[in-house]
Amino acid sequence: RAVAEYGVSSDKVESKIHHRDKIRAEHYNKCTFQKWGEAKNYDLCLNSDGIGIEKSIALILKAAE
């Protein structure tokens, strides 16, 4: 998805995603005093890779109701 939507080259996509996730995790950990990625810290967790974007959207909307 990063290649198609954001134009990241396919040979560098894995390292770029890893780098961006590291930055996000550091920011999250610092600002929330919780650990990035632990499901207990989130109200809703979905594996959009497994169920797809459209189904993820539908589930988020249903949960928001």
Protein backbone atom coordinates (compact mmCIF):
# COMPACT_ATOMS: atom_id res chain seq x y z
CA ARG A 1 0.00 0.00 0.00
CA ALA A 2 2.86 2.41 0.76
CA VAL A 3 4.23 1.87 -2.74
CA ALA A 4 0.87 2.46 -4.44
CA GLU A 5 -0.46 5.31 -2.30
CA TYR A 6 2.67 7.19 -1.24
CA GLY A 7 5.08 6.49 -4.07
CA VAL A 8 7.69 4.79 -1.90
CA SER A 9 10.10 2.75 -3.99
CA SER A 10 9.54 -0.98 -3.56
CA ASP A 11 13.20 -1.67 -2.71
CA LYS A 12 13.11 0.84 0.20
CA VAL A 13 9.55 0.44 1.43
CA GLU A 14 10.32 -1.91 4.33
CA SER A 15 13.08 0.28 5.78
CA LYS A 16 11.01 3.46 5.37
CA ILE A 17 8.01 1.92 7.13
CA HIS A 18 10.23 0.61 9.93
CA HIS A 19 11.81 4.07 10.35
CA ARG A 20 8.44 5.85 10.38
CA ASP A 21 7.01 3.34 12.89
CA LYS A 22 10.03 3.90 15.15
CA ILE A 23 9.41 7.66 15.12
CA ARG A 24 5.70 7.15 15.83
CA ALA A 25 6.43 4.72 18.66
CA GLU A 26 8.92 7.09 20.31
CA HIS A 27 6.44 9.96 20.11
CA TYR A 28 3.56 7.84 21.42
CA ASN A 29 5.61 6.40 24.29
CA LYS A 30 6.88 9.84 25.31
CA CYS A 31 3.51 11.61 25.17
CA THR A 32 1.27 8.91 26.65
CA PHE A 33 3.62 7.10 29.06
CA GLN A 34 2.28 3.87 27.55
CA LYS A 35 3.85 1.39 25.17
CA TRP A 36 3.21 1.68 21.43
CA GLY A 37 1.56 -1.38 19.95
CA GLU A 38 -0.02 -2.83 23.09
CA ALA A 39 -3.67 -3.53 22.28
CA LYS A 40 -4.77 -2.73 25.83
CA ASN A 41 -3.83 0.93 25.20
CA TYR A 42 -6.34 1.35 22.37
CA ASP A 43 -10.12 1.44 22.25
CA LEU A 44 -10.28 -0.36 18.90
CA CYS A 45 -7.67 -2.45 17.08
CA LEU A 46 -8.06 -3.77 13.54
CA ASN A 47 -5.77 -5.66 11.20
CA SER A 48 -6.58 -3.75 8.01
CA ASP A 49 -4.11 -5.92 6.12
CA GLY A 50 -6.17 -8.97 6.99
CA ILE A 51 -9.68 -7.59 6.48
CA GLY A 52 -9.06 -4.79 3.99
CA ILE A 53 -9.57 -1.05 4.12
CA GLU A 54 -13.27 -1.02 3.19
CA LYS A 55 -14.23 -3.56 5.84
CA SER A 56 -12.07 -1.70 8.37
CA ILE A 57 -13.94 1.52 7.60
CA ALA A 58 -17.29 -0.23 8.02
CA LEU A 59 -16.24 -1.71 11.37
CA ILE A 60 -14.96 1.66 12.64
CA LEU A 61 -18.20 3.35 11.67
CA LYS A 62 -20.25 0.60 13.34
CA ALA A 63 -18.17 0.85 16.52
CA ALA A 64 -18.62 4.63 16.57
CA GLU A 65 -22.42 4.22 16.57
